[in-house]
């Protein structure tokens, strides 16, 4: 609840609210303890002094106290008959033009054209095979990437490759913690999402577009998870102040501290406002009802509507 109210306030003009009122508003709504992670530092991002080691397996992450999205299986081995689609969000944005040139020069992945009206995404497939299932990746301009059938070691190598083309990169520990994953397999019947499992029809003429659609929803969910972590960190950072107010203790917050927390709030508001259009159903699906259905099912499965 606290985070959703923070999100709403971030989108409003807060100039009419006093500095102390801004802080007390967030505390009054958010004194219920959220998971402490870090200290927000403007648009430069977060530091994560108490974060778990990047080597920590995703499957061992505890249930978050914020409104939970569906539990995923990013670091668990998929059943033998299944493969994994895994989504990361590593930065606020990718420079796709430069990245496309770098991929071409590298020579390991072949870029693919999905449709003339698919914008702001780079699709590529591995040139060499590890098994019969192709390895596809969808790199979204908004700073998220989704891997289909990539082993973990190759995913991590590509994440390193992406770093020079990132704008406002996120902390690597945060990136490792906020992962989305869905199992997928091929099935004789129509393509669909059932209980977190993607079934791809081998008869479908648009398998790449279907993968793109599922990836689109996953990329949105993992980006939203990053914003949730930012909001959690902000609420956590003002919690002790609100506890003092609640108990009637003397507030030791300095004017400089008030300005700093206000600046963090406005930085977070700016970040969310820049990306708020990501929460709308893309125009691409308006005349593609089958793909729109897949996209909306991912959105519902990941609890995106309730989380926004």
C-alpha atoms as a PDB file:
ATOM      1  CA  UNK A   1       0.000   0.000   0.000  1.00  0.00           C
ATOM      2  CA  UNK A   2       2.774   2.392   0.940  1.00  0.00           C
ATOM      3  CA  UNK A   3       4.576   1.807  -2.322  1.00  0.00           C
ATOM      4  CA  UNK A   4       1.456   2.306  -4.452  1.00  0.00           C
ATOM      5  CA  UNK A   5       0.761   5.598  -2.683  1.00  0.00           C
ATOM      6  CA  UNK A   6       4.391   6.591  -3.209  1.00  0.00           C
ATOM      7  CA  UNK A   7       3.988   5.841  -6.897  1.00  0.00           C
ATOM      8  CA  UNK A   8       0.873   7.990  -7.125  1.00  0.00           C
ATOM      9  CA  UNK A   9       2.498  10.880  -5.271  1.00  0.00           C
ATOM     10  CA  UNK A  10       5.590  10.641  -7.453  1.00  0.00           C
ATOM     11  CA  UNK A  11       3.374  11.343 -10.456  1.00  0.00           C
ATOM     12  CA  UNK A  12       1.795  14.451  -8.914  1.00  0.00           C
ATOM     13  CA  UNK A  13       3.094  17.965  -8.498  1.00  0.00           C
ATOM     14  CA  UNK A  14       4.442  17.999  -4.934  1.00  0.00           C
ATOM     15  CA  UNK A  15       5.510  21.645  -4.854  1.00  0.00           C
ATOM     16  CA  UNK A  16       2.582  22.590  -2.621  1.00  0.00           C
ATOM     17  CA  UNK A  17       3.554  20.101   0.087  1.00  0.00           C
ATOM     18  CA  UNK A  18       6.048  21.022   2.785  1.00  0.00           C
ATOM     19  CA  UNK A  19       9.292  19.117   3.148  1.00  0.00           C
ATOM     20  CA  UNK A  20       8.343  17.561   6.479  1.00  0.00           C
ATOM     21  CA  UNK A  21       4.858  16.728   5.215  1.00  0.00           C
ATOM     22  CA  UNK A  22       6.316  14.853   2.273  1.00  0.00           C
ATOM     23  CA  UNK A  23       8.416  12.733   4.562  1.00  0.00           C
ATOM     24  CA  UNK A  24       5.641  12.182   7.089  1.00  0.00           C
ATOM     25  CA  UNK A  25       3.223  11.222   4.311  1.00  0.00           C
ATOM     26  CA  UNK A  26       5.476   8.445   3.152  1.00  0.00           C
ATOM     27  CA  UNK A  27       6.149   7.288   6.676  1.00  0.00           C
ATOM     28  CA  UNK A  28       2.516   7.316   7.751  1.00  0.00           C
ATOM     29  CA  UNK A  29       1.654   5.181   4.784  1.00  0.00           C
ATOM     30  CA  UNK A  30       4.723   3.032   5.010  1.00  0.00           C
ATOM     31  CA  UNK A  31       5.657   2.463   8.654  1.00  0.00           C
ATOM     32  CA  UNK A  32       4.950  -1.229   8.130  1.00  0.00           C
ATOM     33  CA  UNK A  33       8.447  -2.510   7.563  1.00  0.00           C
ATOM     34  CA  UNK A  34       9.482  -3.251   4.019  1.00  0.00           C
ATOM     35  CA  UNK A  35      12.573  -5.222   3.094  1.00  0.00           C
ATOM     36  CA  UNK A  36      15.615  -2.981   3.608  1.00  0.00           C
ATOM     37  CA  UNK A  37      17.997  -2.908   0.737  1.00  0.00           C
ATOM     38  CA  UNK A  38      19.721   0.403   0.238  1.00  0.00           C
ATOM     39  CA  UNK A  39      19.797   4.177   0.028  1.00  0.00           C
ATOM     40  CA  UNK A  40      18.464   5.939  -3.058  1.00  0.00           C
ATOM     41  CA  UNK A  41      20.933   8.376  -4.556  1.00  0.00           C
ATOM     42  CA  UNK A  42      19.102  10.471  -7.126  1.00  0.00           C
ATOM     43  CA  UNK A  43      19.093   9.416 -10.738  1.00  0.00           C
ATOM     44  CA  UNK A  44      22.510   7.871 -10.269  1.00  0.00           C
ATOM     45  CA  UNK A  45      20.797   4.818  -8.801  1.00  0.00           C
ATOM     46  CA  UNK A  46      21.134   2.876  -5.571  1.00  0.00           C
ATOM     47  CA  UNK A  47      23.964   1.535  -3.472  1.00  0.00           C
ATOM     48  CA  UNK A  48      23.250  -1.886  -2.017  1.00  0.00           C
ATOM     49  CA  UNK A  49      25.453  -2.261   1.072  1.00  0.00           C
ATOM     50  CA  UNK A  50      23.456  -5.115   2.595  1.00  0.00           C
ATOM     51  CA  UNK A  51      22.517  -6.928  -0.598  1.00  0.00           C
ATOM     52  CA  UNK A  52      23.070 -10.621  -0.969  1.00  0.00           C
ATOM     53  CA  UNK A  53      25.975 -11.902  -2.988  1.00  0.00           C
ATOM     54  CA  UNK A  54      25.405 -11.996  -6.759  1.00  0.00           C
ATOM     55  CA  UNK A  55      26.176 -15.696  -6.519  1.00  0.00           C
ATOM     56  CA  UNK A  56      22.989 -16.188  -4.505  1.00  0.00           C
ATOM     57  CA  UNK A  57      20.566 -18.337  -6.434  1.00  0.00           C
ATOM     58  CA  UNK A  58      17.323 -16.699  -7.491  1.00  0.00           C
ATOM     59  CA  UNK A  59      15.307 -19.631  -6.181  1.00  0.00           C
ATOM     60  CA  UNK A  60      16.503 -18.863  -2.637  1.00  0.00           C
ATOM     61  CA  UNK A  61      15.183 -15.291  -2.594  1.00  0.00           C
ATOM     62  CA  UNK A  62      12.550 -14.774   0.132  1.00  0.00           C
ATOM     63  CA  UNK A  63       9.033 -13.596  -0.590  1.00  0.00           C
ATOM     64  CA  UNK A  64       9.110  -9.806  -0.690  1.00  0.00           C
ATOM     65  CA  UNK A  65       6.936  -7.749   1.619  1.00  0.00           C
ATOM     66  CA  UNK A  66       5.799  -5.595  -1.263  1.00  0.00           C
ATOM     67  CA  UNK A  67       2.888  -6.872  -3.336  1.00  0.00           C
ATOM     68  CA  UNK A  68       4.350 -10.054  -4.716  1.00  0.00           C
ATOM     69  CA  UNK A  69       4.500 -10.851  -8.372  1.00  0.00           C
ATOM     70  CA  UNK A  70       4.243 -14.472  -9.393  1.00  0.00           C
ATOM     71  CA  UNK A  71       7.152 -16.565  -8.141  1.00  0.00           C
ATOM     72  CA  UNK A  72       9.462 -17.443 -10.993  1.00  0.00           C
ATOM     73  CA  UNK A  73      12.083 -20.104 -11.585  1.00  0.00           C
ATOM     74  CA  UNK A  74      14.971 -18.196 -13.107  1.00  0.00           C
ATOM     75  CA  UNK A  75      17.813 -20.113 -11.485  1.00  0.00           C
ATOM     76  CA  UNK A  76      16.119 -23.473 -11.020  1.00  0.00           C
ATOM     77  CA  UNK A  77      16.904 -26.104 -13.640  1.00  0.00           C
ATOM     78  CA  UNK A  78      13.959 -26.526 -15.956  1.00  0.00           C
ATOM     79  CA  UNK A  79      12.440 -29.985 -16.380  1.00  0.00           C
ATOM     80  CA  UNK A  80      14.083 -31.949 -19.129  1.00  0.00           C
ATOM     81  CA  UNK A  81      11.170 -31.332 -21.488  1.00  0.00           C
ATOM     82  CA  UNK A  82      11.126 -27.573 -20.791  1.00  0.00           C
ATOM     83  CA  UNK A  83      13.332 -24.595 -21.490  1.00  0.00           C
ATOM     84  CA  UNK A  84      13.451 -21.201 -19.801  1.00  0.00           C
ATOM     85  CA  UNK A  85      12.675 -17.663 -20.899  1.00  0.00           C
ATOM     86  CA  UNK A  86      14.523 -15.348 -18.488  1.00  0.00           C
ATOM     87  CA  UNK A  87      14.164 -11.553 -18.225  1.00  0.00           C
ATOM     88  CA  UNK A  88      16.562  -9.014 -16.706  1.00  0.00           C
ATOM     89  CA  UNK A  89      16.441  -5.234 -16.427  1.00  0.00           C
ATOM     90  CA  UNK A  90      19.963  -3.821 -16.247  1.00  0.00           C
ATOM     91  CA  UNK A  91      19.628  -0.096 -17.007  1.00  0.00           C
ATOM     92  CA  UNK A  92      17.225   2.738 -17.688  1.00  0.00           C
ATOM     93  CA  UNK A  93      17.898   2.470 -21.413  1.00  0.00           C
ATOM     94  CA  UNK A  94      20.018   0.760 -24.077  1.00  0.00           C
ATOM     95  CA  UNK A  95      21.592   2.457 -27.072  1.00  0.00           C
ATOM     96  CA  UNK A  96      20.156   0.023 -29.609  1.00  0.00           C
ATOM     97  CA  UNK A  97      21.821   1.593 -32.647  1.00  0.00           C
ATOM     98  CA  UNK A  98      25.320   1.145 -31.236  1.00  0.00           C
ATOM     99  CA  UNK A  99      24.429  -2.239 -29.801  1.00  0.00           C
ATOM    100  CA  UNK A 100      23.211  -3.510 -33.169  1.00  0.00           C
ATOM    101  CA  UNK A 101      26.546  -2.578 -34.748  1.00  0.00           C
ATOM    102  CA  UNK A 102      28.451  -4.262 -31.934  1.00  0.00           C
ATOM    103  CA  UNK A 103      26.460  -7.479 -32.280  1.00  0.00           C
ATOM    104  CA  UNK A 104      27.090  -7.534 -36.014  1.00  0.00           C
ATOM    105  CA  UNK A 105      30.811  -7.041 -35.453  1.00  0.00           C
ATOM    106  CA  UNK A 106      30.923  -9.733 -32.774  1.00  0.00           C
ATOM    107  CA  UNK A 107      29.452 -12.252 -35.200  1.00  0.00           C
ATOM    108  CA  UNK A 108      27.936 -14.692 -32.701  1.00  0.00           C
ATOM    109  CA  UNK A 109      24.306 -13.638 -33.081  1.00  0.00           C
ATOM    110  CA  UNK A 110      22.206 -12.960 -36.138  1.00  0.00           C
ATOM    111  CA  UNK A 111      19.794 -10.050 -35.955  1.00  0.00           C
ATOM    112  CA  UNK A 112      16.223 -10.762 -37.045  1.00  0.00           C
ATOM    113  CA  UNK A 113      13.444  -8.512 -38.321  1.00  0.00           C
ATOM    114  CA  UNK A 114      10.167  -9.180 -36.544  1.00  0.00           C
ATOM    115  CA  UNK A 115       7.787  -6.753 -38.253  1.00  0.00           C
ATOM    116  CA  UNK A 116       7.948  -3.318 -39.812  1.00  0.00           C
ATOM    117  CA  UNK A 117       5.949  -1.844 -36.932  1.00  0.00           C
ATOM    118  CA  UNK A 118       7.932  -3.428 -34.101  1.00  0.00           C
ATOM    119  CA  UNK A 119      10.025  -0.600 -32.687  1.00  0.00           C
ATOM    120  CA  UNK A 120      12.453  -0.129 -29.816  1.00  0.00           C
ATOM    121  CA  UNK A 121      13.563  -3.752 -29.661  1.00  0.00           C
ATOM    122  CA  UNK A 122      16.477  -5.693 -31.072  1.00  0.00           C
ATOM    123  CA  UNK A 123      15.878  -9.385 -31.769  1.00  0.00           C
ATOM    124  CA  UNK A 124      18.802 -11.740 -32.313  1.00  0.00           C
ATOM    125  CA  UNK A 125      19.365 -15.494 -32.544  1.00  0.00           C
ATOM    126  CA  UNK A 126      22.499 -17.490 -31.795  1.00  0.00           C
ATOM    127  CA  UNK A 127      24.297 -18.668 -34.931  1.00  0.00           C
ATOM    128  CA  UNK A 128      25.596 -21.855 -33.345  1.00  0.00           C
ATOM    129  CA  UNK A 129      23.366 -24.495 -31.734  1.00  0.00           C
ATOM    130  CA  UNK A 130      23.604 -26.205 -28.369  1.00  0.00           C
ATOM    131  CA  UNK A 131      20.494 -28.312 -29.001  1.00  0.00           C
ATOM    132  CA  UNK A 132      17.527 -28.410 -31.333  1.00  0.00           C
ATOM    133  CA  UNK A 133      15.829 -25.464 -29.633  1.00  0.00           C
ATOM    134  CA  UNK A 134      16.988 -22.082 -31.025  1.00  0.00           C
ATOM    135  CA  UNK A 135      18.321 -19.437 -28.683  1.00  0.00           C
ATOM    136  CA  UNK A 136      16.621 -16.056 -29.141  1.00  0.00           C
ATOM    137  CA  UNK A 137      17.019 -12.817 -27.238  1.00  0.00           C
ATOM    138  CA  UNK A 138      14.922  -9.670 -27.245  1.00  0.00           C
ATOM    139  CA  UNK A 139      16.704  -6.497 -26.144  1.00  0.00           C
ATOM    140  CA  UNK A 140      14.267  -3.684 -25.325  1.00  0.00           C
ATOM    141  CA  UNK A 141      15.320  -0.049 -25.536  1.00  0.00           C
ATOM    142  CA  UNK A 142      13.892   0.550 -22.045  1.00  0.00           C
ATOM    143  CA  UNK A 143      16.773  -1.396 -20.490  1.00  0.00           C
ATOM    144  CA  UNK A 144      15.429  -4.956 -20.328  1.00  0.00           C
ATOM    145  CA  UNK A 145      16.536  -8.117 -22.102  1.00  0.00           C
ATOM    146  CA  UNK A 146      14.784 -11.495 -22.358  1.00  0.00           C
ATOM    147  CA  UNK A 147      16.654 -14.705 -23.161  1.00  0.00           C
ATOM    148  CA  UNK A 148      15.015 -17.816 -24.600  1.00  0.00           C
ATOM    149  CA  UNK A 149      16.838 -21.125 -24.037  1.00  0.00           C
ATOM    150  CA  UNK A 150      20.156 -19.520 -23.068  1.00  0.00           C
ATOM    151  CA  UNK A 151      22.275 -21.267 -20.413  1.00  0.00           C
ATOM    152  CA  UNK A 152      23.132 -19.136 -17.413  1.00  0.00           C
ATOM    153  CA  UNK A 153      26.803 -18.746 -18.335  1.00  0.00           C
ATOM    154  CA  UNK A 154      25.890 -17.368 -21.764  1.00  0.00           C
ATOM    155  CA  UNK A 155      23.257 -15.043 -20.308  1.00  0.00           C
ATOM    156  CA  UNK A 156      25.810 -13.554 -17.937  1.00  0.00           C
ATOM    157  CA  UNK A 157      28.337 -13.128 -20.754  1.00  0.00           C
ATOM    158  CA  UNK A 158      25.767 -11.197 -22.798  1.00  0.00           C
ATOM    159  CA  UNK A 159      24.853  -9.034 -19.811  1.00  0.00           C
ATOM    160  CA  UNK A 160      28.511  -8.035 -19.599  1.00  0.00           C
ATOM    161  CA  UNK A 161      28.530  -7.365 -23.340  1.00  0.00           C
ATOM    162  CA  UNK A 162      25.564  -4.996 -22.936  1.00  0.00           C
ATOM    163  CA  UNK A 163      27.200  -2.786 -20.301  1.00  0.00           C
ATOM    164  CA  UNK A 164      28.921  -0.296 -22.669  1.00  0.00           C
ATOM    165  CA  UNK A 165      25.548   0.384 -24.308  1.00  0.00           C
ATOM    166  CA  UNK A 166      23.625   1.027 -21.084  1.00  0.00           C
ATOM    167  CA  UNK A 167      22.482   4.417 -19.844  1.00  0.00           C
ATOM    168  CA  UNK A 168      22.199   4.749 -16.052  1.00  0.00           C
ATOM    169  CA  UNK A 169      23.049   1.145 -15.257  1.00  0.00           C
ATOM    170  CA  UNK A 170      21.554  -0.601 -12.243  1.00  0.00           C
ATOM    171  CA  UNK A 171      23.628  -2.273  -9.540  1.00  0.00           C
ATOM    172  CA  UNK A 172      24.545  -5.806 -10.617  1.00  0.00           C
ATOM    173  CA  UNK A 173      23.279  -7.278  -7.336  1.00  0.00           C
ATOM    174  CA  UNK A 174      19.886  -5.663  -7.895  1.00  0.00           C
ATOM    175  CA  UNK A 175      19.816  -6.971 -11.465  1.00  0.00           C
ATOM    176  CA  UNK A 176      20.508 -10.507 -10.232  1.00  0.00           C
ATOM    177  CA  UNK A 177      17.792 -10.306  -7.584  1.00  0.00           C
ATOM    178  CA  UNK A 178      15.012  -8.935  -9.771  1.00  0.00           C
ATOM    179  CA  UNK A 179      14.635 -11.620 -12.428  1.00  0.00           C
ATOM    180  CA  UNK A 180      11.547 -12.983 -14.161  1.00  0.00           C
ATOM    181  CA  UNK A 181      11.418 -16.413 -15.762  1.00  0.00           C
ATOM    182  CA  UNK A 182       8.839 -18.669 -17.378  1.00  0.00           C
ATOM    183  CA  UNK A 183       9.173 -22.241 -18.570  1.00  0.00           C
ATOM    184  CA  UNK A 184       8.282 -22.913 -22.181  1.00  0.00           C
ATOM    185  CA  UNK A 185       7.820 -25.981 -24.322  1.00  0.00           C
ATOM    186  CA  UNK A 186       6.436 -26.899 -27.724  1.00  0.00           C
ATOM    187  CA  UNK A 187       2.965 -28.382 -27.880  1.00  0.00           C
ATOM    188  CA  UNK A 188       0.684 -29.602 -30.644  1.00  0.00           C
ATOM    189  CA  UNK A 189      -2.151 -27.247 -29.766  1.00  0.00           C
ATOM    190  CA  UNK A 190      -2.330 -23.470 -30.076  1.00  0.00           C
ATOM    191  CA  UNK A 191       0.193 -21.180 -28.414  1.00  0.00           C
ATOM    192  CA  UNK A 192      -0.891 -20.112 -24.932  1.00  0.00           C
ATOM    193  CA  UNK A 193       0.181 -19.333 -21.365  1.00  0.00           C
ATOM    194  CA  UNK A 194      -1.146 -21.708 -18.705  1.00  0.00           C
ATOM    195  CA  UNK A 195      -0.199 -21.485 -15.015  1.00  0.00           C
ATOM    196  CA  UNK A 196       3.083 -19.789 -15.786  1.00  0.00           C
ATOM    197  CA  UNK A 197       4.031 -22.215 -18.559  1.00  0.00           C
ATOM    198  CA  UNK A 198       4.321 -21.060 -22.159  1.00  0.00           C
ATOM    199  CA  UNK A 199       3.188 -23.581 -24.761  1.00  0.00           C
ATOM    200  CA  UNK A 200       4.398 -22.791 -28.275  1.00  0.00           C
ATOM    201  CA  UNK A 201       2.642 -24.322 -31.251  1.00  0.00           C
ATOM    202  CA  UNK A 202       5.063 -25.737 -33.857  1.00  0.00           C
ATOM    203  CA  UNK A 203       2.408 -25.003 -36.497  1.00  0.00           C
ATOM    204  CA  UNK A 204       2.365 -21.282 -35.730  1.00  0.00           C
ATOM    205  CA  UNK A 205       3.719 -19.093 -38.568  1.00  0.00           C
ATOM    206  CA  UNK A 206       4.551 -16.321 -36.083  1.00  0.00           C
ATOM    207  CA  UNK A 207       6.634 -18.052 -33.410  1.00  0.00           C
ATOM    208  CA  UNK A 208       9.124 -15.182 -33.262  1.00  0.00           C
ATOM    209  CA  UNK A 209       6.326 -12.645 -32.783  1.00  0.00           C
ATOM    210  CA  UNK A 210       4.764 -14.841 -30.114  1.00  0.00           C
ATOM    211  CA  UNK A 211       8.085 -15.016 -28.281  1.00  0.00           C
ATOM    212  CA  UNK A 212       8.405 -11.256 -28.641  1.00  0.00           C
ATOM    213  CA  UNK A 213       4.935 -10.801 -27.128  1.00  0.00           C
ATOM    214  CA  UNK A 214       5.655 -12.963 -24.101  1.00  0.00           C
ATOM    215  CA  UNK A 215       9.014 -11.209 -23.759  1.00  0.00           C
ATOM    216  CA  UNK A 216       7.295  -7.826 -23.858  1.00  0.00           C
ATOM    217  CA  UNK A 217       5.204  -8.678 -20.816  1.00  0.00           C
ATOM    218  CA  UNK A 218       8.148 -10.185 -18.957  1.00  0.00           C
ATOM    219  CA  UNK A 219      10.329  -7.148 -19.702  1.00  0.00           C
ATOM    220  CA  UNK A 220       7.635  -4.872 -18.292  1.00  0.00           C
ATOM    221  CA  UNK A 221       7.333  -6.950 -15.131  1.00  0.00           C
ATOM    222  CA  UNK A 222      11.053  -7.002 -14.416  1.00  0.00           C
ATOM    223  CA  UNK A 223      11.310  -3.245 -15.044  1.00  0.00           C
ATOM    224  CA  UNK A 224       8.456  -2.702 -12.617  1.00  0.00           C
ATOM    225  CA  UNK A 225      10.298  -4.861 -10.082  1.00  0.00           C
ATOM    226  CA  UNK A 226      13.243  -2.465 -10.273  1.00  0.00           C
ATOM    227  CA  UNK A 227      10.940   0.496  -9.584  1.00  0.00           C
ATOM    228  CA  UNK A 228       9.422  -1.410  -6.665  1.00  0.00           C
ATOM    229  CA  UNK A 229      12.889  -1.952  -5.219  1.00  0.00           C
ATOM    230  CA  UNK A 230      13.604   1.780  -5.538  1.00  0.00           C
ATOM    231  CA  UNK A 231      10.345   2.620  -3.745  1.00  0.00           C
ATOM    232  CA  UNK A 232      11.027   0.026  -1.041  1.00  0.00           C
ATOM    233  CA  UNK A 233      14.425   1.575  -0.430  1.00  0.00           C
ATOM    234  CA  UNK A 234      12.978   5.078  -0.169  1.00  0.00           C
ATOM    235  CA  UNK A 235      10.252   4.074   2.278  1.00  0.00           C
ATOM    236  CA  UNK A 236      12.826   2.170   4.333  1.00  0.00           C
ATOM    237  CA  UNK A 237      15.111   5.200   4.447  1.00  0.00           C
ATOM    238  CA  UNK A 238      12.448   7.412   6.106  1.00  0.00           C
ATOM    239  CA  UNK A 239      10.945   4.745   8.355  1.00  0.00           C
ATOM    240  CA  UNK A 240      12.998   5.566  11.444  1.00  0.00           C
ATOM    241  CA  UNK A 241      11.960   9.215  11.225  1.00  0.00           C
ATOM    242  CA  UNK A 242       8.299   8.281  11.178  1.00  0.00           C
ATOM    243  CA  UNK A 243       8.773   5.907  14.100  1.00  0.00           C
ATOM    244  CA  UNK A 244      10.211   8.817  16.092  1.00  0.00           C
ATOM    245  CA  UNK A 245       7.199  10.959  15.176  1.00  0.00           C
ATOM    246  CA  UNK A 246       4.823   8.142  16.040  1.00  0.00           C
ATOM    247  CA  UNK A 247       6.374   7.679  19.488  1.00  0.00           C
ATOM    248  CA  UNK A 248       6.548  11.410  20.168  1.00  0.00           C
ATOM    249  CA  UNK A 249      10.329  11.492  20.222  1.00  0.00           C
ATOM    250  CA  UNK A 250      12.351  14.527  19.202  1.00  0.00           C
ATOM    251  CA  UNK A 251      12.977  14.641  15.460  1.00  0.00           C
ATOM    252  CA  UNK A 252      16.661  15.049  14.715  1.00  0.00           C
ATOM    253  CA  UNK A 253      16.218  15.485  10.989  1.00  0.00           C
ATOM    254  CA  UNK A 254      18.305  18.387   9.728  1.00  0.00           C
ATOM    255  CA  UNK A 255      17.280  20.803   7.001  1.00  0.00           C
ATOM    256  CA  UNK A 256      19.969  19.308   4.780  1.00  0.00           C
ATOM    257  CA  UNK A 257      18.520  15.851   5.350  1.00  0.00           C
ATOM    258  CA  UNK A 258      15.026  17.090   4.460  1.00  0.00           C
ATOM    259  CA  UNK A 259      16.304  18.576   1.204  1.00  0.00           C
ATOM    260  CA  UNK A 260      18.197  15.397   0.396  1.00  0.00           C
ATOM    261  CA  UNK A 261      15.167  13.158   0.936  1.00  0.00           C
ATOM    262  CA  UNK A 262      13.022  15.555  -1.097  1.00  0.00           C
ATOM    263  CA  UNK A 263      15.569  15.444  -3.900  1.00  0.00           C
ATOM    264  CA  UNK A 264      15.508  11.654  -3.844  1.00  0.00           C
ATOM    265  CA  UNK A 265      11.723  11.716  -4.085  1.00  0.00           C
ATOM    266  CA  UNK A 266      11.746  14.055  -7.072  1.00  0.00           C
ATOM    267  CA  UNK A 267      14.449  11.981  -8.771  1.00  0.00           C
ATOM    268  CA  UNK A 268      12.332   8.887  -8.338  1.00  0.00           C
ATOM    269  CA  UNK A 269       9.260  10.729  -9.575  1.00  0.00           C
ATOM    270  CA  UNK A 270      11.198  11.861 -12.667  1.00  0.00           C
ATOM    271  CA  UNK A 271      12.358   8.305 -13.362  1.00  0.00           C
ATOM    272  CA  UNK A 272       8.840   6.896 -13.137  1.00  0.00           C
ATOM    273  CA  UNK A 273       7.297   9.685 -15.219  1.00  0.00           C
ATOM    274  CA  UNK A 274       9.787   9.092 -18.029  1.00  0.00           C
ATOM    275  CA  UNK A 275       8.786   5.448 -18.238  1.00  0.00           C
ATOM    276  CA  UNK A 276       5.104   5.565 -17.268  1.00  0.00           C
ATOM    277  CA  UNK A 277       3.936   4.933 -20.846  1.00  0.00           C
ATOM    278  CA  UNK A 278       5.426   1.438 -20.555  1.00  0.00           C
ATOM    279  CA  UNK A 279       2.430   0.515 -18.417  1.00  0.00           C
ATOM    280  CA  UNK A 280       0.007   0.977 -21.338  1.00  0.00           C
ATOM    281  CA  UNK A 281      -0.822  -1.824 -23.770  1.00  0.00           C
ATOM    282  CA  UNK A 282       1.414  -1.159 -26.807  1.00  0.00           C
ATOM    283  CA  UNK A 283      -0.292   0.002 -30.003  1.00  0.00           C
ATOM    284  CA  UNK A 284       1.355  -2.925 -31.788  1.00  0.00           C
ATOM    285  CA  UNK A 285      -1.301  -5.289 -30.408  1.00  0.00           C
ATOM    286  CA  UNK A 286      -4.393  -3.310 -31.356  1.00  0.00           C
ATOM    287  CA  UNK A 287      -4.877  -5.093 -34.683  1.00  0.00           C
ATOM    288  CA  UNK A 288      -3.351  -8.386 -33.517  1.00  0.00           C
ATOM    289  CA  UNK A 289      -5.935  -9.841 -31.112  1.00  0.00           C
ATOM    290  CA  UNK A 290      -4.190 -13.198 -30.687  1.00  0.00           C
ATOM    291  CA  UNK A 291      -0.895 -11.572 -29.710  1.00  0.00           C
ATOM    292  CA  UNK A 292      -2.701  -9.047 -27.521  1.00  0.00           C
ATOM    293  CA  UNK A 293      -4.315 -11.940 -25.660  1.00  0.00           C
ATOM    294  CA  UNK A 294      -0.882 -13.465 -24.968  1.00  0.00           C
ATOM    295  CA  UNK A 295       0.454 -10.107 -23.784  1.00  0.00           C
ATOM    296  CA  UNK A 296      -2.466  -9.459 -21.442  1.00  0.00           C
ATOM    297  CA  UNK A 297      -2.208 -12.957 -19.976  1.00  0.00           C
ATOM    298  CA  UNK A 298       1.426 -12.335 -19.076  1.00  0.00           C
ATOM    299  CA  UNK A 299       0.438  -8.979 -17.557  1.00  0.00           C
ATOM    300  CA  UNK A 300      -2.221 -10.672 -15.425  1.00  0.00           C
ATOM    301  CA  UNK A 301       0.007 -13.582 -14.457  1.00  0.00           C
ATOM    302  CA  UNK A 302       2.768 -11.228 -13.287  1.00  0.00           C
ATOM    303  CA  UNK A 303       0.255  -9.163 -11.252  1.00  0.00           C
ATOM    304  CA  UNK A 304       1.309  -6.055 -13.161  1.00  0.00           C
ATOM    305  CA  UNK A 305      -2.106  -4.403 -12.894  1.00  0.00           C
ATOM    306  CA  UNK A 306      -2.223  -4.700  -9.101  1.00  0.00           C
ATOM    307  CA  UNK A 307       1.414  -3.683  -8.754  1.00  0.00           C
ATOM    308  CA  UNK A 308       0.796  -0.390 -10.582  1.00  0.00           C
END
